[in-house]
Amino acid sequence: MKSNVNSENILELSQAIAMILFTKLCAYRDDSCEKVKLSRKERLVLNYVAQGETKLSIAELMGVTKHAVDFHFRNILKKNDTSRIVVAVANAVKSGLI
């Protein structure tokens, strides 16, 4: 029997599991799940990250340079007081920003 599992499916599944686990963790750590104010472009970047897009593909989708996407990433991380983008995505999902 041939399996339909490939690296893309595994990546999507692992991202979904990570998001679920982090969201559950946030329920116990309210301080890490504060609603932050993000610009329209920052929310767009987070949406693309949540969909599994890379920085380069996000730049292409937005019609900007990778440097511009890096700028938005840095702002998102700073506003969320974290160094991990998955934390920022989970915060945005939990607070309804994306």
PDB file of N, CA and C in Angstrom:
ATOM      1  N   MET A   1       0.838  -1.172   0.000  1.00  0.00           N
ATOM      2  CA  MET A   1       0.000   0.000   0.000  1.00  0.00           C
ATOM      3  C   MET A   1       0.890   1.244   0.000  1.00  0.00           C
ATOM      4  N   LYS A   2       0.632   2.181  -0.900  1.00  0.00           N
ATOM      5  CA  LYS A   2       1.426   3.389  -1.041  1.00  0.00           C
ATOM      6  C   LYS A   2       0.938   4.458  -0.056  1.00  0.00           C
ATOM      7  N   SER A   3       1.865   5.107   0.609  1.00  0.00           N
ATOM      8  CA  SER A   3       1.532   6.139   1.581  1.00  0.00           C
ATOM      9  C   SER A   3       1.486   7.508   0.920  1.00  0.00           C
ATOM     10  N   ASN A   4       0.537   8.347   1.334  1.00  0.00           N
ATOM     11  CA  ASN A   4       0.424   9.706   0.821  1.00  0.00           C
ATOM     12  C   ASN A   4       1.146  10.715   1.704  1.00  0.00           C
ATOM     13  N   VAL A   5       2.002  10.241   2.609  1.00  0.00           N
ATOM     14  CA  VAL A   5       2.723  11.115   3.511  1.00  0.00           C
ATOM     15  C   VAL A   5       3.962  11.644   2.798  1.00  0.00           C
ATOM     16  N   ASN A   6       4.104  12.969   2.801  1.00  0.00           N
ATOM     17  CA  ASN A   6       5.311  13.572   2.258  1.00  0.00           C
ATOM     18  C   ASN A   6       5.778  14.653   3.219  1.00  0.00           C
ATOM     19  N   SER A   7       6.913  15.263   2.923  1.00  0.00           N
ATOM     20  CA  SER A   7       7.483  16.250   3.849  1.00  0.00           C
ATOM     21  C   SER A   7       6.575  17.459   4.021  1.00  0.00           C
ATOM     22  N   GLU A   8       5.828  17.834   2.987  1.00  0.00           N
ATOM     23  CA  GLU A   8       4.912  18.974   3.104  1.00  0.00           C
ATOM     24  C   GLU A   8       3.791  18.653   4.080  1.00  0.00           C
ATOM     25  N   ASN A   9       3.237  17.442   3.994  1.00  0.00           N
ATOM     26  CA  ASN A   9       2.177  17.037   4.924  1.00  0.00           C
ATOM     27  C   ASN A   9       2.688  16.983   6.352  1.00  0.00           C
ATOM     28  N   ILE A  10       3.897  16.482   6.529  1.00  0.00           N
ATOM     29  CA  ILE A  10       4.484  16.382   7.859  1.00  0.00           C
ATOM     30  C   ILE A  10       4.709  17.775   8.432  1.00  0.00           C
ATOM     31  N   LEU A  11       5.199  18.707   7.603  1.00  0.00           N
ATOM     32  CA  LEU A  11       5.419  20.074   8.054  1.00  0.00           C
ATOM     33  C   LEU A  11       4.104  20.726   8.471  1.00  0.00           C
ATOM     34  N   GLU A  12       3.061  20.580   7.667  1.00  0.00           N
ATOM     35  CA  GLU A  12       1.758  21.158   7.998  1.00  0.00           C
ATOM     36  C   GLU A  12       1.217  20.570   9.295  1.00  0.00           C
ATOM     37  N   LEU A  13       1.338  19.269   9.445  1.00  0.00           N
ATOM     38  CA  LEU A  13       0.851  18.609  10.647  1.00  0.00           C
ATOM     39  C   LEU A  13       1.625  19.069  11.877  1.00  0.00           C
ATOM     40  N   SER A  14       2.942  19.160  11.768  1.00  0.00           N
ATOM     41  CA  SER A  14       3.742  19.581  12.918  1.00  0.00           C
ATOM     42  C   SER A  14       3.449  21.026  13.294  1.00  0.00           C
ATOM     43  N   GLN A  15       3.205  21.900  12.295  1.00  0.00           N
ATOM     44  CA  GLN A  15       2.853  23.287  12.597  1.00  0.00           C
ATOM     45  C   GLN A  15       1.500  23.358  13.294  1.00  0.00           C
ATOM     46  N   ALA A  16       0.558  22.558  12.847  1.00  0.00           N
ATOM     47  CA  ALA A  16      -0.770  22.546  13.465  1.00  0.00           C
ATOM     48  C   ALA A  16      -0.690  22.045  14.906  1.00  0.00           C
ATOM     49  N   ILE A  17       0.073  21.000  15.125  1.00  0.00           N
ATOM     50  CA  ILE A  17       0.231  20.455  16.480  1.00  0.00           C
ATOM     51  C   ILE A  17       0.895  21.484  17.381  1.00  0.00           C
ATOM     52  N   ALA A  18       1.946  22.147  16.875  1.00  0.00           N
ATOM     53  CA  ALA A  18       2.634  23.166  17.669  1.00  0.00           C
ATOM     54  C   ALA A  18       1.691  24.297  18.037  1.00  0.00           C
ATOM     55  N   MET A  19       0.858  24.706  17.098  1.00  0.00           N
ATOM     56  CA  MET A  19      -0.085  25.792  17.358  1.00  0.00           C
ATOM     57  C   MET A  19      -1.103  25.377  18.420  1.00  0.00           C
ATOM     58  N   ILE A  20      -1.621  24.175  18.332  1.00  0.00           N
ATOM     59  CA  ILE A  20      -2.590  23.687  19.313  1.00  0.00           C
ATOM     60  C   ILE A  20      -1.962  23.608  20.699  1.00  0.00           C
ATOM     61  N   LEU A  21      -0.757  23.054  20.764  1.00  0.00           N
ATOM     62  CA  LEU A  21      -0.087  22.925  22.057  1.00  0.00           C
ATOM     63  C   LEU A  21       0.213  24.285  22.666  1.00  0.00           C
ATOM     64  N   PHE A  22       0.675  25.206  21.834  1.00  0.00           N
ATOM     65  CA  PHE A  22       0.990  26.523  22.378  1.00  0.00           C
ATOM     66  C   PHE A  22      -0.274  27.245  22.838  1.00  0.00           C
ATOM     67  N   THR A  23      -1.336  27.116  22.090  1.00  0.00           N
ATOM     68  CA  THR A  23      -2.593  27.751  22.477  1.00  0.00           C
ATOM     69  C   THR A  23      -3.076  27.200  23.812  1.00  0.00           C
ATOM     70  N   LYS A  24      -2.933  25.891  24.003  1.00  0.00           N
ATOM     71  CA  LYS A  24      -3.309  25.283  25.287  1.00  0.00           C
ATOM     72  C   LYS A  24      -2.421  25.823  26.405  1.00  0.00           C
ATOM     73  N   LEU A  25      -1.128  25.967  26.129  1.00  0.00           N
ATOM     74  CA  LEU A  25      -0.208  26.511  27.117  1.00  0.00           C
ATOM     75  C   LEU A  25      -0.593  27.935  27.484  1.00  0.00           C
ATOM     76  N   CYS A  26      -1.007  28.708  26.497  1.00  0.00           N
ATOM     77  CA  CYS A  26      -1.407  30.097  26.748  1.00  0.00           C
ATOM     78  C   CYS A  26      -2.587  30.184  27.699  1.00  0.00           C
ATOM     79  N   ALA A  27      -3.430  29.196  27.687  1.00  0.00           N
ATOM     80  CA  ALA A  27      -4.578  29.199  28.595  1.00  0.00           C
ATOM     81  C   ALA A  27      -4.116  29.204  30.047  1.00  0.00           C
ATOM     82  N   TYR A  28      -2.935  28.663  30.287  1.00  0.00           N
ATOM     83  CA  TYR A  28      -2.388  28.607  31.639  1.00  0.00           C
ATOM     84  C   TYR A  28      -1.423  29.747  31.932  1.00  0.00           C
ATOM     85  N   ARG A  29      -0.964  30.433  30.872  1.00  0.00           N
ATOM     86  CA  ARG A  29      -0.002  31.525  31.046  1.00  0.00           C
ATOM     87  C   ARG A  29      -0.555  32.777  30.381  1.00  0.00           C
ATOM     88  N   ASP A  30      -1.496  33.414  30.996  1.00  0.00           N
ATOM     89  CA  ASP A  30      -2.145  34.594  30.429  1.00  0.00           C
ATOM     90  C   ASP A  30      -1.163  35.702  30.098  1.00  0.00           C
ATOM     91  N   ASP A  31      -0.056  35.806  30.829  1.00  0.00           N
ATOM     92  CA  ASP A  31       0.902  36.880  30.592  1.00  0.00           C
ATOM     93  C   ASP A  31       1.566  36.765  29.225  1.00  0.00           C
ATOM     94  N   SER A  32       1.651  35.564  28.651  1.00  0.00           N
ATOM     95  CA  SER A  32       2.301  35.395  27.353  1.00  0.00           C
ATOM     96  C   SER A  32       1.321  35.516  26.198  1.00  0.00           C
ATOM     97  N   CYS A  33       0.070  35.780  26.489  1.00  0.00           N
ATOM     98  CA  CYS A  33      -0.960  35.801  25.452  1.00  0.00           C
ATOM     99  C   CYS A  33      -1.677  37.139  25.373  1.00  0.00           C
ATOM    100  N   GLU A  34      -0.990  38.191  25.765  1.00  0.00           N
ATOM    101  CA  GLU A  34      -1.603  39.502  25.712  1.00  0.00           C
ATOM    102  C   GLU A  34      -1.883  39.893  24.266  1.00  0.00           C
ATOM    103  N   LYS A  35      -2.956  40.654  24.094  1.00  0.00           N
ATOM    104  CA  LYS A  35      -3.277  41.162  22.768  1.00  0.00           C
ATOM    105  C   LYS A  35      -2.362  42.346  22.478  1.00  0.00           C
ATOM    106  N   VAL A  36      -1.643  42.267  21.380  1.00  0.00           N
ATOM    107  CA  VAL A  36      -0.739  43.349  20.999  1.00  0.00           C
ATOM    108  C   VAL A  36      -1.297  44.065  19.773  1.00  0.00           C
ATOM    109  N   LYS A  37      -0.911  45.310  19.613  1.00  0.00           N
ATOM    110  CA  LYS A  37      -1.354  46.076  18.455  1.00  0.00           C
ATOM    111  C   LYS A  37      -0.374  45.843  17.318  1.00  0.00           C
ATOM    112  N   LEU A  38      -0.890  45.312  16.206  1.00  0.00           N
ATOM    113  CA  LEU A  38      -0.074  45.054  15.029  1.00  0.00           C
ATOM    114  C   LEU A  38      -0.614  45.858  13.858  1.00  0.00           C
ATOM    115  N   SER A  39       0.297  46.263  12.990  1.00  0.00           N
ATOM    116  CA  SER A  39      -0.117  46.962  11.776  1.00  0.00           C
ATOM    117  C   SER A  39      -0.793  45.975  10.825  1.00  0.00           C
ATOM    118  N   ARG A  40      -1.436  46.509   9.805  1.00  0.00           N
ATOM    119  CA  ARG A  40      -2.094  45.671   8.805  1.00  0.00           C
ATOM    120  C   ARG A  40      -1.078  44.740   8.146  1.00  0.00           C
ATOM    121  N   LYS A  41       0.096  45.259   7.813  1.00  0.00           N
ATOM    122  CA  LYS A  41       1.118  44.433   7.164  1.00  0.00           C
ATOM    123  C   LYS A  41       1.676  43.380   8.110  1.00  0.00           C
ATOM    124  N   GLU A  42       1.818  43.722   9.385  1.00  0.00           N
ATOM    125  CA  GLU A  42       2.287  42.737  10.359  1.00  0.00           C
ATOM    126  C   GLU A  42       1.277  41.598  10.501  1.00  0.00           C
ATOM    127  N   ARG A  43      -0.017  41.937  10.519  1.00  0.00           N
ATOM    128  CA  ARG A  43      -1.044  40.881  10.584  1.00  0.00           C
ATOM    129  C   ARG A  43      -1.011  40.024   9.323  1.00  0.00           C
ATOM    130  N   LEU A  44      -0.790  40.659   8.174  1.00  0.00           N
ATOM    131  CA  LEU A  44      -0.704  39.913   6.924  1.00  0.00           C
ATOM    132  C   LEU A  44       0.475  38.945   6.952  1.00  0.00           C
ATOM    133  N   VAL A  45       1.614  39.416   7.423  1.00  0.00           N
ATOM    134  CA  VAL A  45       2.800  38.549   7.545  1.00  0.00           C
ATOM    135  C   VAL A  45       2.490  37.375   8.464  1.00  0.00           C
ATOM    136  N   LEU A  46       1.866  37.641   9.604  1.00  0.00           N
ATOM    137  CA  LEU A  46       1.526  36.552  10.530  1.00  0.00           C
ATOM    138  C   LEU A  46       0.556  35.559   9.911  1.00  0.00           C
ATOM    139  N   ASN A  47      -0.389  36.048   9.126  1.00  0.00           N
ATOM    140  CA  ASN A  47      -1.298  35.146   8.420  1.00  0.00           C
ATOM    141  C   ASN A  47      -0.524  34.221   7.500  1.00  0.00           C
ATOM    142  N   TYR A  48       0.404  34.778   6.746  1.00  0.00           N
ATOM    143  CA  TYR A  48       1.205  33.960   5.840  1.00  0.00           C
ATOM    144  C   TYR A  48       2.075  32.964   6.601  1.00  0.00           C
ATOM    145  N   VAL A  49       2.646  33.392   7.720  1.00  0.00           N
ATOM    146  CA  VAL A  49       3.456  32.482   8.544  1.00  0.00           C
ATOM    147  C   VAL A  49       2.587  31.338   9.050  1.00  0.00           C
ATOM    148  N   ALA A  50       1.384  31.662   9.509  1.00  0.00           N
ATOM    149  CA  ALA A  50       0.463  30.642  10.015  1.00  0.00           C
ATOM    150  C   ALA A  50       0.098  29.631   8.929  1.00  0.00           C
ATOM    151  N   GLN A  51       0.150  30.069   7.663  1.00  0.00           N
ATOM    152  CA  GLN A  51      -0.138  29.177   6.535  1.00  0.00           C
ATOM    153  C   GLN A  51       1.100  28.395   6.099  1.00  0.00           C
ATOM    154  N   GLY A  52       2.245  28.640   6.765  1.00  0.00           N
ATOM    155  CA  GLY A  52       3.455  27.890   6.473  1.00  0.00           C
ATOM    156  C   GLY A  52       4.349  28.502   5.408  1.00  0.00           C
ATOM    157  N   GLU A  53       4.101  29.755   5.043  1.00  0.00           N
ATOM    158  CA  GLU A  53       4.912  30.410   4.023  1.00  0.00           C
ATOM    159  C   GLU A  53       6.288  30.785   4.580  1.00  0.00           C
ATOM    160  N   THR A  54       7.288  30.807   3.714  1.00  0.00           N
ATOM    161  CA  THR A  54       8.629  31.240   4.089  1.00  0.00           C
ATOM    162  C   THR A  54       8.730  32.749   3.945  1.00  0.00           C
ATOM    163  N   LYS A  55       9.788  33.325   4.497  1.00  0.00           N
ATOM    164  CA  LYS A  55       9.986  34.772   4.366  1.00  0.00           C
ATOM    165  C   LYS A  55      10.076  35.176   2.895  1.00  0.00           C
ATOM    166  N   LEU A  56      10.776  34.387   2.100  1.00  0.00           N
ATOM    167  CA  LEU A  56      10.930  34.710   0.687  1.00  0.00           C
ATOM    168  C   LEU A  56       9.590  34.645  -0.043  1.00  0.00           C
ATOM    169  N   SER A  57       8.798  33.619   0.235  1.00  0.00           N
ATOM    170  CA  SER A  57       7.496  33.523  -0.429  1.00  0.00           C
ATOM    171  C   SER A  57       6.544  34.617   0.054  1.00  0.00           C
ATOM    172  N   ILE A  58       6.656  35.002   1.321  1.00  0.00           N
ATOM    173  CA  ILE A  58       5.843  36.105   1.834  1.00  0.00           C
ATOM    174  C   ILE A  58       6.195  37.396   1.095  1.00  0.00           C
ATOM    175  N   ALA A  59       7.483  37.614   0.895  1.00  0.00           N
ATOM    176  CA  ALA A  59       7.925  38.811   0.160  1.00  0.00           C
ATOM    177  C   ALA A  59       7.336  38.825  -1.246  1.00  0.00           C
ATOM    178  N   GLU A  60       7.363  37.683  -1.906  1.00  0.00           N
ATOM    179  CA  GLU A  60       6.810  37.598  -3.260  1.00  0.00           C
ATOM    180  C   GLU A  60       5.300  37.836  -3.247  1.00  0.00           C
ATOM    181  N   LEU A  61       4.607  37.241  -2.285  1.00  0.00           N
ATOM    182  CA  LEU A  61       3.155  37.408  -2.194  1.00  0.00           C
ATOM    183  C   LEU A  61       2.754  38.855  -1.902  1.00  0.00           C
ATOM    184  N   MET A  62       3.558  39.532  -1.100  1.00  0.00           N
ATOM    185  CA  MET A  62       3.257  40.908  -0.726  1.00  0.00           C
ATOM    186  C   MET A  62       3.805  41.928  -1.721  1.00  0.00           C
ATOM    187  N   GLY A  63       4.671  41.469  -2.616  1.00  0.00           N
ATOM    188  CA  GLY A  63       5.272  42.374  -3.589  1.00  0.00           C
ATOM    189  C   GLY A  63       6.298  43.309  -2.969  1.00  0.00           C
ATOM    190  N   VAL A  64       7.009  42.797  -1.952  1.00  0.00           N
ATOM    191  CA  VAL A  64       8.041  43.583  -1.278  1.00  0.00           C
ATOM    192  C   VAL A  64       9.333  42.768  -1.249  1.00  0.00           C
ATOM    193  N   THR A  65      10.388  43.374  -0.725  1.00  0.00           N
ATOM    194  CA  THR A  65      11.658  42.666  -0.613  1.00  0.00           C
ATOM    195  C   THR A  65      11.657  41.779   0.630  1.00  0.00           C
ATOM    196  N   LYS A  66      12.578  40.829   0.655  1.00  0.00           N
ATOM    197  CA  LYS A  66      12.741  39.988   1.832  1.00  0.00           C
ATOM    198  C   LYS A  66      13.163  40.850   3.024  1.00  0.00           C
ATOM    199  N   HIS A  67      13.928  41.900   2.750  1.00  0.00           N
ATOM    200  CA  HIS A  67      14.348  42.828   3.804  1.00  0.00           C
ATOM    201  C   HIS A  67      13.120  43.455   4.480  1.00  0.00           C
ATOM    202  N   ALA A  68      12.114  43.813   3.697  1.00  0.00           N
ATOM    203  CA  ALA A  68      10.889  44.393   4.256  1.00  0.00           C
ATOM    204  C   ALA A  68      10.171  43.379   5.145  1.00  0.00           C
ATOM    205  N   VAL A  69      10.128  42.130   4.709  1.00  0.00           N
ATOM    206  CA  VAL A  69       9.498  41.075   5.515  1.00  0.00           C
ATOM    207  C   VAL A  69      10.284  40.880   6.807  1.00  0.00           C
ATOM    208  N   ASP A  70      11.620  40.900   6.721  1.00  0.00           N
ATOM    209  CA  ASP A  70      12.447  40.799   7.931  1.00  0.00           C
ATOM    210  C   ASP A  70      12.136  41.937   8.902  1.00  0.00           C
ATOM    211  N   PHE A  71      11.927  43.134   8.368  1.00  0.00           N
ATOM    212  CA  PHE A  71      11.564  44.293   9.185  1.00  0.00           C
ATOM    213  C   PHE A  71      10.259  44.022   9.940  1.00  0.00           C
ATOM    214  N   HIS A  72       9.254  43.505   9.228  1.00  0.00           N
ATOM    215  CA  HIS A  72       7.970  43.193   9.865  1.00  0.00           C
ATOM    216  C   HIS A  72       8.138  42.091  10.911  1.00  0.00           C
ATOM    217  N   PHE A  73       8.956  41.070  10.602  1.00  0.00           N
ATOM    218  CA  PHE A  73       9.228  39.999  11.560  1.00  0.00           C
ATOM    219  C   PHE A  73       9.805  40.574  12.846  1.00  0.00           C
ATOM    220  N   ARG A  74      10.800  41.439  12.721  1.00  0.00           N
ATOM    221  CA  ARG A  74      11.438  42.016  13.909  1.00  0.00           C
ATOM    222  C   ARG A  74      10.417  42.804  14.736  1.00  0.00           C
ATOM    223  N   ASN A  75       9.574  43.576  14.064  1.00  0.00           N
ATOM    224  CA  ASN A  75       8.554  44.343  14.782  1.00  0.00           C
ATOM    225  C   ASN A  75       7.555  43.432  15.487  1.00  0.00           C
ATOM    226  N   ILE A  76       7.141  42.389  14.799  1.00  0.00           N
ATOM    227  CA  ILE A  76       6.198  41.425  15.380  1.00  0.00           C
ATOM    228  C   ILE A  76       6.794  40.784  16.628  1.00  0.00           C
ATOM    229  N   LEU A  77       8.048  40.346  16.526  1.00  0.00           N
ATOM    230  CA  LEU A  77       8.705  39.693  17.661  1.00  0.00           C
ATOM    231  C   LEU A  77       8.867  40.666  18.823  1.00  0.00           C
ATOM    232  N   LYS A  78       9.259  41.898  18.511  1.00  0.00           N
ATOM    233  CA  LYS A  78       9.445  42.901  19.561  1.00  0.00           C
ATOM    234  C   LYS A  78       8.122  43.206  20.261  1.00  0.00           C
ATOM    235  N   LYS A  79       7.069  43.387  19.495  1.00  0.00           N
ATOM    236  CA  LYS A  79       5.760  43.706  20.074  1.00  0.00           C
ATOM    237  C   LYS A  79       5.219  42.554  20.923  1.00  0.00           C
ATOM    238  N   ASN A  80       5.610  41.327  20.579  1.00  0.00           N
ATOM    239  CA  ASN A  80       5.165  40.153  21.335  1.00  0.00           C
ATOM    240  C   ASN A  80       6.152  39.759  22.423  1.00  0.00           C
ATOM    241  N   ASP A  81       7.230  40.525  22.548  1.00  0.00           N
ATOM    242  CA  ASP A  81       8.259  40.259  23.559  1.00  0.00           C
ATOM    243  C   ASP A  81       8.719  38.805  23.524  1.00  0.00           C
ATOM    244  N   THR A  82       9.076  38.354  22.322  1.00  0.00           N
ATOM    245  CA  THR A  82       9.518  36.974  22.136  1.00  0.00           C
ATOM    246  C   THR A  82      10.563  36.923  21.032  1.00  0.00           C
ATOM    247  N   SER A  83      11.264  35.831  20.970  1.00  0.00           N
ATOM    248  CA  SER A  83      12.219  35.611  19.878  1.00  0.00           C
ATOM    249  C   SER A  83      11.740  34.493  18.953  1.00  0.00           C
ATOM    250  N   ARG A  84      10.531  33.978  19.209  1.00  0.00           N
ATOM    251  CA  ARG A  84       9.999  32.864  18.429  1.00  0.00           C
ATOM    252  C   ARG A  84       8.719  33.282  17.718  1.00  0.00           C
ATOM    253  N   ILE A  85       8.719  33.134  16.408  1.00  0.00           N
ATOM    254  CA  ILE A  85       7.566  33.564  15.612  1.00  0.00           C
ATOM    255  C   ILE A  85       6.330  32.725  15.907  1.00  0.00           C
ATOM    256  N   VAL A  86       6.510  31.467  16.286  1.00  0.00           N
ATOM    257  CA  VAL A  86       5.350  30.625  16.596  1.00  0.00           C
ATOM    258  C   VAL A  86       4.597  31.174  17.806  1.00  0.00           C
ATOM    259  N   VAL A  87       5.321  31.787  18.741  1.00  0.00           N
ATOM    260  CA  VAL A  87       4.683  32.408  19.901  1.00  0.00           C
ATOM    261  C   VAL A  87       3.824  33.581  19.434  1.00  0.00           C
ATOM    262  N   ALA A  88       4.365  34.394  18.537  1.00  0.00           N
ATOM    263  CA  ALA A  88       3.619  35.543  18.016  1.00  0.00           C
ATOM    264  C   ALA A  88       2.378  35.098  17.249  1.00  0.00           C
ATOM    265  N   VAL A  89       2.510  34.042  16.455  1.00  0.00           N
ATOM    266  CA  VAL A  89       1.360  33.528  15.698  1.00  0.00           C
ATOM    267  C   VAL A  89       0.299  32.998  16.662  1.00  0.00           C
ATOM    268  N   ALA A  90       0.727  32.248  17.651  1.00  0.00           N
ATOM    269  CA  ALA A  90      -0.229  31.698  18.616  1.00  0.00           C
ATOM    270  C   ALA A  90      -0.937  32.821  19.378  1.00  0.00           C
ATOM    271  N   ASN A  91      -0.201  33.859  19.763  1.00  0.00           N
ATOM    272  CA  ASN A  91      -0.818  34.998  20.433  1.00  0.00           C
ATOM    273  C   ASN A  91      -1.852  35.654  19.541  1.00  0.00           C
ATOM    274  N   ALA A  92      -1.506  35.831  18.266  1.00  0.00           N
ATOM    275  CA  ALA A  92      -2.430  36.477  17.316  1.00  0.00           C
ATOM    276  C   ALA A  92      -3.688  35.637  17.086  1.00  0.00           C
ATOM    277  N   VAL A  93      -3.521  34.339  16.992  1.00  0.00           N
ATOM    278  CA  VAL A  93      -4.668  33.454  16.801  1.00  0.00           C
ATOM    279  C   VAL A  93      -5.558  33.480  18.037  1.00  0.00           C
ATOM    280  N   LYS A  94      -4.943  33.345  19.195  1.00  0.00           N
ATOM    281  CA  LYS A  94      -5.702  33.301  20.446  1.00  0.00           C
ATOM    282  C   LYS A  94      -6.457  34.600  20.698  1.00  0.00           C
ATOM    283  N   SER A  95      -5.840  35.722  20.340  1.00  0.00           N
ATOM    284  CA  SER A  95      -6.485  37.025  20.599  1.00  0.00           C
ATOM    285  C   SER A  95      -7.386  37.471  19.462  1.00  0.00           C
ATOM    286  N   GLY A  96      -7.462  36.662  18.387  1.00  0.00           N
ATOM    287  CA  GLY A  96      -8.354  36.981  17.288  1.00  0.00           C
ATOM    288  C   GLY A  96      -7.810  37.974  16.282  1.00  0.00           C
ATOM    289  N   LEU A  97      -6.506  38.279  16.351  1.00  0.00           N
ATOM    290  CA  LEU A  97      -5.912  39.205  15.393  1.00  0.00           C
ATOM    291  C   LEU A  97      -5.828  38.610  14.001  1.00  0.00           C
ATOM    292  N   ILE A  98      -5.653  37.307  13.950  1.00  0.00           N
ATOM    293  CA  ILE A  98      -5.624  36.619  12.643  1.00  0.00           C
ATOM    294  C   ILE A  98      -6.511  35.405  12.716  1.00  0.00           C
TER     295      ILE A  98
END
